[in-house]
Amino acid sequence: MSNLPTDLTSTWGVDAFRNPGIARFRKQLDADTWANERALNSLDSIPIEGRNTSAFERAMQLLPHNQLAKSAWLARIKQEAIENPKNWFPNWTLDQTREFSATTDHAWREFLDKLRDDQLQTTVKYVNSKGEAYAALLEDILIHVFNHATYHRGQLARIVSECGGKRPETDYIGFSYRPVSST
């Protein structure tokens, strides 16, 4: 156990190992941003012959879907009006996805920067995309948002391989581990 790294500092300068509250979600957003960029790069690695398939079209829809869902959840949390997209799996280009991702992640960073640990147990009432009313703890919503993204990146990784591209390494541990010298 003594060989494990003790500095798990995120880009916020917060050690998530020692402060598992909101700092954990800040670090998770950093990891999500990192993983999404790797996933986008993997889509770009697919050769031309692999891009003329329905599988490639499906893969191109997964990250936009993740970002639309993240955006919708942030609006629900903040109790802002939301207009559900006509298509939750849009056909965006890589550049469109990158641009929307940057905007969405920035909004999430601003939100998380203002959030306090004691607010994680707040109950959020919201209406889902089907018009059904629900309530959930803010902490549970945050867990869902990041798990949802991981799920679809896993689908994307499989499809990228099937289309002849380089499968992205987007596991959280790849973001968080630190090399240890062998001496």
C-alpha atoms as a PDB file:
ATOM      1  CA  MET A   1       0.000   0.000   0.000  1.00  0.00           C
ATOM      2  CA  SER A   2       2.893   2.389   0.646  1.00  0.00           C
ATOM      3  CA  ASN A   3       3.892   2.295  -3.050  1.00  0.00           C
ATOM      4  CA  LEU A   4       0.612   3.876  -4.147  1.00  0.00           C
ATOM      5  CA  PRO A   5       0.751   7.497  -5.274  1.00  0.00           C
ATOM      6  CA  THR A   6      -0.658   9.904  -2.730  1.00  0.00           C
ATOM      7  CA  ASP A   7      -1.069  12.929  -4.996  1.00  0.00           C
ATOM      8  CA  LEU A   8      -4.312  12.471  -6.912  1.00  0.00           C
ATOM      9  CA  THR A   9      -4.665  16.180  -7.562  1.00  0.00           C
ATOM     10  CA  SER A  10      -7.092  17.183 -10.281  1.00  0.00           C
ATOM     11  CA  THR A  11      -6.825  20.209 -12.537  1.00  0.00           C
ATOM     12  CA  TRP A  12      -8.737  22.089  -9.840  1.00  0.00           C
ATOM     13  CA  GLY A  13      -5.825  21.556  -7.462  1.00  0.00           C
ATOM     14  CA  VAL A  14      -8.028  19.415  -5.222  1.00  0.00           C
ATOM     15  CA  ASP A  15      -6.866  16.056  -3.937  1.00  0.00           C
ATOM     16  CA  ALA A  16      -9.851  13.776  -4.569  1.00  0.00           C
ATOM     17  CA  PHE A  17      -8.319  11.013  -2.450  1.00  0.00           C
ATOM     18  CA  ARG A  18      -8.450  13.189   0.650  1.00  0.00           C
ATOM     19  CA  ASN A  19     -11.679  15.020  -0.249  1.00  0.00           C
ATOM     20  CA  PRO A  20     -14.115  12.550  -1.737  1.00  0.00           C
ATOM     21  CA  GLY A  21     -17.061  15.001  -1.883  1.00  0.00           C
ATOM     22  CA  ILE A  22     -17.457  17.385  -4.773  1.00  0.00           C
ATOM     23  CA  ALA A  23     -13.750  17.063  -5.606  1.00  0.00           C
ATOM     24  CA  ARG A  24     -14.458  13.538  -6.838  1.00  0.00           C
ATOM     25  CA  PHE A  25     -16.875  14.898  -9.437  1.00  0.00           C
ATOM     26  CA  ARG A  26     -14.493  17.639 -10.492  1.00  0.00           C
ATOM     27  CA  LYS A  27     -11.877  14.988 -11.129  1.00  0.00           C
ATOM     28  CA  GLN A  28     -14.474  12.868 -12.913  1.00  0.00           C
ATOM     29  CA  LEU A  29     -15.237  15.773 -15.267  1.00  0.00           C
ATOM     30  CA  ASP A  30     -11.509  16.113 -15.998  1.00  0.00           C
ATOM     31  CA  ALA A  31     -11.400  12.394 -16.801  1.00  0.00           C
ATOM     32  CA  ASP A  32     -14.531  12.645 -18.931  1.00  0.00           C
ATOM     33  CA  THR A  33     -13.033  15.484 -20.987  1.00  0.00           C
ATOM     34  CA  TRP A  34      -9.790  13.523 -21.401  1.00  0.00           C
ATOM     35  CA  ALA A  35     -11.634  10.348 -22.451  1.00  0.00           C
ATOM     36  CA  ASN A  36     -13.895  12.167 -24.904  1.00  0.00           C
ATOM     37  CA  GLU A  37     -10.919  13.698 -26.695  1.00  0.00           C
ATOM     38  CA  ARG A  38      -9.315  10.261 -26.979  1.00  0.00           C
ATOM     39  CA  ALA A  39     -12.592   8.852 -28.328  1.00  0.00           C
ATOM     40  CA  LEU A  40     -12.839  11.646 -30.903  1.00  0.00           C
ATOM     41  CA  ASN A  41      -9.269  10.959 -32.015  1.00  0.00           C
ATOM     42  CA  SER A  42     -10.100   7.273 -32.404  1.00  0.00           C
ATOM     43  CA  LEU A  43     -13.018   8.111 -34.693  1.00  0.00           C
ATOM     44  CA  ASP A  44     -10.605  10.120 -36.791  1.00  0.00           C
ATOM     45  CA  SER A  45      -8.358   7.024 -37.066  1.00  0.00           C
ATOM     46  CA  ILE A  46     -10.974   5.029 -38.978  1.00  0.00           C
ATOM     47  CA  PRO A  47      -9.865   4.534 -42.601  1.00  0.00           C
ATOM     48  CA  ILE A  48     -12.043   5.813 -45.446  1.00  0.00           C
ATOM     49  CA  GLU A  49     -13.393   2.329 -46.256  1.00  0.00           C
ATOM     50  CA  GLY A  50     -14.584   1.954 -42.654  1.00  0.00           C
ATOM     51  CA  ARG A  51     -16.447   5.264 -42.746  1.00  0.00           C
ATOM     52  CA  ASN A  52     -18.987   4.184 -45.339  1.00  0.00           C
ATOM     53  CA  THR A  53     -20.860   1.914 -42.935  1.00  0.00           C
ATOM     54  CA  SER A  54     -23.870   2.168 -40.692  1.00  0.00           C
ATOM     55  CA  ALA A  55     -21.590   1.215 -37.783  1.00  0.00           C
ATOM     56  CA  PHE A  56     -19.449   4.313 -38.371  1.00  0.00           C
ATOM     57  CA  GLU A  57     -22.574   6.480 -38.521  1.00  0.00           C
ATOM     58  CA  ARG A  58     -23.689   5.024 -35.193  1.00  0.00           C
ATOM     59  CA  ALA A  59     -20.259   5.610 -33.637  1.00  0.00           C
ATOM     60  CA  MET A  60     -20.330   9.253 -34.753  1.00  0.00           C
ATOM     61  CA  GLN A  61     -23.629   9.734 -32.909  1.00  0.00           C
ATOM     62  CA  LEU A  62     -22.511   8.453 -29.498  1.00  0.00           C
ATOM     63  CA  LEU A  63     -20.384  11.366 -28.242  1.00  0.00           C
ATOM     64  CA  PRO A  64     -22.887  14.011 -29.380  1.00  0.00           C
ATOM     65  CA  HIS A  65     -25.522  12.009 -27.510  1.00  0.00           C
ATOM     66  CA  ASN A  66     -23.381  12.017 -24.364  1.00  0.00           C
ATOM     67  CA  GLN A  67     -22.909  15.773 -24.543  1.00  0.00           C
ATOM     68  CA  LEU A  68     -26.584  16.459 -25.228  1.00  0.00           C
ATOM     69  CA  ALA A  69     -27.481  14.339 -22.207  1.00  0.00           C
ATOM     70  CA  LYS A  70     -24.879  16.134 -20.025  1.00  0.00           C
ATOM     71  CA  SER A  71     -26.303  19.463 -21.136  1.00  0.00           C
ATOM     72  CA  ALA A  72     -29.866  18.345 -20.397  1.00  0.00           C
ATOM     73  CA  TRP A  73     -28.931  17.068 -16.952  1.00  0.00           C
ATOM     74  CA  LEU A  74     -27.220  20.335 -16.075  1.00  0.00           C
ATOM     75  CA  ALA A  75     -30.343  22.262 -17.080  1.00  0.00           C
ATOM     76  CA  ARG A  76     -32.498  19.913 -14.987  1.00  0.00           C
ATOM     77  CA  ILE A  77     -30.223  20.305 -11.970  1.00  0.00           C
ATOM     78  CA  LYS A  78     -30.277  24.095 -12.294  1.00  0.00           C
ATOM     79  CA  GLN A  79     -34.054  24.027 -12.800  1.00  0.00           C
ATOM     80  CA  GLU A  80     -33.695  25.738 -16.173  1.00  0.00           C
ATOM     81  CA  ALA A  81     -36.124  25.323 -19.025  1.00  0.00           C
ATOM     82  CA  ILE A  82     -34.992  22.677 -21.453  1.00  0.00           C
ATOM     83  CA  GLU A  83     -36.125  21.884 -24.942  1.00  0.00           C
ATOM     84  CA  ASN A  84     -35.420  18.250 -25.637  1.00  0.00           C
ATOM     85  CA  PRO A  85     -33.504  17.647 -28.853  1.00  0.00           C
ATOM     86  CA  LYS A  86     -35.517  16.238 -31.721  1.00  0.00           C
ATOM     87  CA  ASN A  87     -32.742  13.689 -32.116  1.00  0.00           C
ATOM     88  CA  TRP A  88     -30.753  12.511 -29.083  1.00  0.00           C
ATOM     89  CA  PHE A  89     -28.261  10.829 -31.439  1.00  0.00           C
ATOM     90  CA  PRO A  90     -27.463  13.544 -34.005  1.00  0.00           C
ATOM     91  CA  ASN A  91     -25.149  13.210 -37.000  1.00  0.00           C
ATOM     92  CA  TRP A  92     -22.490  15.765 -36.095  1.00  0.00           C
ATOM     93  CA  THR A  93     -19.008  16.144 -37.486  1.00  0.00           C
ATOM     94  CA  LEU A  94     -15.999  15.680 -35.215  1.00  0.00           C
ATOM     95  CA  ASP A  95     -15.519  19.465 -35.153  1.00  0.00           C
ATOM     96  CA  GLN A  96     -19.158  20.075 -34.178  1.00  0.00           C
ATOM     97  CA  THR A  97     -18.835  17.511 -31.407  1.00  0.00           C
ATOM     98  CA  ARG A  98     -15.586  19.070 -30.137  1.00  0.00           C
ATOM     99  CA  GLU A  99     -17.132  22.543 -30.107  1.00  0.00           C
ATOM    100  CA  PHE A 100     -20.289  21.459 -28.274  1.00  0.00           C
ATOM    101  CA  SER A 101     -18.205  19.377 -25.854  1.00  0.00           C
ATOM    102  CA  ALA A 102     -16.025  22.360 -24.972  1.00  0.00           C
ATOM    103  CA  THR A 103     -19.087  24.512 -24.306  1.00  0.00           C
ATOM    104  CA  THR A 104     -20.823  21.813 -22.266  1.00  0.00           C
ATOM    105  CA  ASP A 105     -17.741  20.944 -20.224  1.00  0.00           C
ATOM    106  CA  HIS A 106     -17.127  24.634 -19.497  1.00  0.00           C
ATOM    107  CA  ALA A 107     -20.690  25.004 -18.185  1.00  0.00           C
ATOM    108  CA  TRP A 108     -20.209  21.911 -16.009  1.00  0.00           C
ATOM    109  CA  ARG A 109     -16.911  23.270 -14.644  1.00  0.00           C
ATOM    110  CA  GLU A 110     -18.600  26.538 -13.688  1.00  0.00           C
ATOM    111  CA  PHE A 111     -21.385  24.616 -11.963  1.00  0.00           C
ATOM    112  CA  LEU A 112     -19.052  22.287 -10.073  1.00  0.00           C
ATOM    113  CA  ASP A 113     -16.839  25.208  -9.020  1.00  0.00           C
ATOM    114  CA  LYS A 114     -19.802  26.742  -7.182  1.00  0.00           C
ATOM    115  CA  LEU A 115     -21.083  23.481  -5.703  1.00  0.00           C
ATOM    116  CA  ARG A 116     -20.393  22.598  -2.062  1.00  0.00           C
ATOM    117  CA  ASP A 117     -20.167  19.145  -0.516  1.00  0.00           C
ATOM    118  CA  ASP A 118     -23.265  19.720   1.626  1.00  0.00           C
ATOM    119  CA  GLN A 119     -25.330  20.280  -1.543  1.00  0.00           C
ATOM    120  CA  LEU A 120     -24.703  16.760  -2.845  1.00  0.00           C
ATOM    121  CA  GLN A 121     -27.584  15.427  -0.755  1.00  0.00           C
ATOM    122  CA  THR A 122     -30.033  17.957  -2.222  1.00  0.00           C
ATOM    123  CA  THR A 123     -33.085  16.434  -3.876  1.00  0.00           C
ATOM    124  CA  VAL A 124     -33.523  17.577  -7.466  1.00  0.00           C
ATOM    125  CA  LYS A 125     -36.979  17.430  -8.990  1.00  0.00           C
ATOM    126  CA  TYR A 126     -36.991  17.178 -12.760  1.00  0.00           C
ATOM    127  CA  VAL A 127     -38.970  16.081 -15.784  1.00  0.00           C
ATOM    128  CA  ASN A 128     -37.321  13.511 -18.050  1.00  0.00           C
ATOM    129  CA  SER A 129     -37.304  13.545 -21.851  1.00  0.00           C
ATOM    130  CA  LYS A 130     -40.597  11.618 -21.897  1.00  0.00           C
ATOM    131  CA  GLY A 131     -42.314  14.264 -19.761  1.00  0.00           C
ATOM    132  CA  GLU A 132     -42.355  12.132 -16.587  1.00  0.00           C
ATOM    133  CA  ALA A 133     -41.648  13.829 -13.239  1.00  0.00           C
ATOM    134  CA  TYR A 134     -38.987  12.378 -10.929  1.00  0.00           C
ATOM    135  CA  ALA A 135     -36.780  13.315  -8.012  1.00  0.00           C
ATOM    136  CA  ALA A 136     -33.216  12.174  -7.276  1.00  0.00           C
ATOM    137  CA  LEU A 137     -30.320  13.199  -5.088  1.00  0.00           C
ATOM    138  CA  LEU A 138     -27.873  15.534  -6.807  1.00  0.00           C
ATOM    139  CA  GLU A 139     -25.032  13.143  -5.990  1.00  0.00           C
ATOM    140  CA  ASP A 140     -26.871  10.292  -7.730  1.00  0.00           C
ATOM    141  CA  ILE A 141     -27.476  12.432 -10.808  1.00  0.00           C
ATOM    142  CA  LEU A 142     -23.786  13.308 -10.986  1.00  0.00           C
ATOM    143  CA  ILE A 143     -22.842   9.630 -10.730  1.00  0.00           C
ATOM    144  CA  HIS A 144     -25.338   8.820 -13.483  1.00  0.00           C
ATOM    145  CA  VAL A 145     -24.050  11.532 -15.824  1.00  0.00           C
ATOM    146  CA  PHE A 146     -20.493  10.217 -15.747  1.00  0.00           C
ATOM    147  CA  ASN A 147     -21.494   6.536 -15.845  1.00  0.00           C
ATOM    148  CA  HIS A 148     -23.734   7.211 -18.840  1.00  0.00           C
ATOM    149  CA  ALA A 149     -20.823   8.734 -20.743  1.00  0.00           C
ATOM    150  CA  THR A 150     -18.551   5.798 -19.884  1.00  0.00           C
ATOM    151  CA  TYR A 151     -21.166   3.334 -21.137  1.00  0.00           C
ATOM    152  CA  HIS A 152     -21.441   4.972 -24.550  1.00  0.00           C
ATOM    153  CA  ARG A 153     -17.677   5.421 -24.915  1.00  0.00           C
ATOM    154  CA  GLY A 154     -17.425   1.658 -24.424  1.00  0.00           C
ATOM    155  CA  GLN A 155     -19.835   1.158 -27.299  1.00  0.00           C
ATOM    156  CA  LEU A 156     -17.841   3.595 -29.396  1.00  0.00           C
ATOM    157  CA  ALA A 157     -14.578   1.757 -28.690  1.00  0.00           C
ATOM    158  CA  ARG A 158     -16.019  -1.527 -29.937  1.00  0.00           C
ATOM    159  CA  ILE A 159     -17.417   0.068 -33.101  1.00  0.00           C
ATOM    160  CA  VAL A 160     -14.146   1.892 -33.863  1.00  0.00           C
ATOM    161  CA  SER A 161     -12.345  -1.467 -33.814  1.00  0.00           C
ATOM    162  CA  GLU A 162     -14.969  -3.025 -36.078  1.00  0.00           C
ATOM    163  CA  CYS A 163     -14.529  -0.152 -38.549  1.00  0.00           C
ATOM    164  CA  GLY A 164     -10.747  -0.628 -38.675  1.00  0.00           C
ATOM    165  CA  GLY A 165      -9.770   2.275 -36.455  1.00  0.00           C
ATOM    166  CA  LYS A 166      -7.551   2.463 -33.382  1.00  0.00           C
ATOM    167  CA  ARG A 167      -9.582   1.554 -30.310  1.00  0.00           C
ATOM    168  CA  PRO A 168      -9.357   4.360 -27.726  1.00  0.00           C
ATOM    169  CA  GLU A 169      -8.033   3.736 -24.248  1.00  0.00           C
ATOM    170  CA  THR A 170     -10.547   5.707 -22.189  1.00  0.00           C
ATOM    171  CA  ASP A 171     -10.710   3.778 -18.912  1.00  0.00           C
ATOM    172  CA  TYR A 172     -10.671   6.009 -15.855  1.00  0.00           C
ATOM    173  CA  ILE A 173      -7.581   4.268 -14.497  1.00  0.00           C
ATOM    174  CA  GLY A 174      -5.675   5.355 -17.610  1.00  0.00           C
ATOM    175  CA  PHE A 175      -6.444   8.955 -16.670  1.00  0.00           C
ATOM    176  CA  SER A 176      -5.660   8.643 -12.982  1.00  0.00           C
ATOM    177  CA  TYR A 177      -2.690   6.291 -12.643  1.00  0.00           C
ATOM    178  CA  ARG A 178       0.829   7.565 -12.115  1.00  0.00           C
ATOM    179  CA  PRO A 179       3.920   5.656 -13.247  1.00  0.00           C
ATOM    180  CA  VAL A 180       6.043   4.256 -10.425  1.00  0.00           C
ATOM    181  CA  SER A 181       9.776   3.882 -10.848  1.00  0.00           C
ATOM    182  CA  SER A 182      11.058   0.331 -10.670  1.00  0.00           C
ATOM    183  CA  THR A 183      14.039   1.249  -8.499  1.00  0.00           C
END
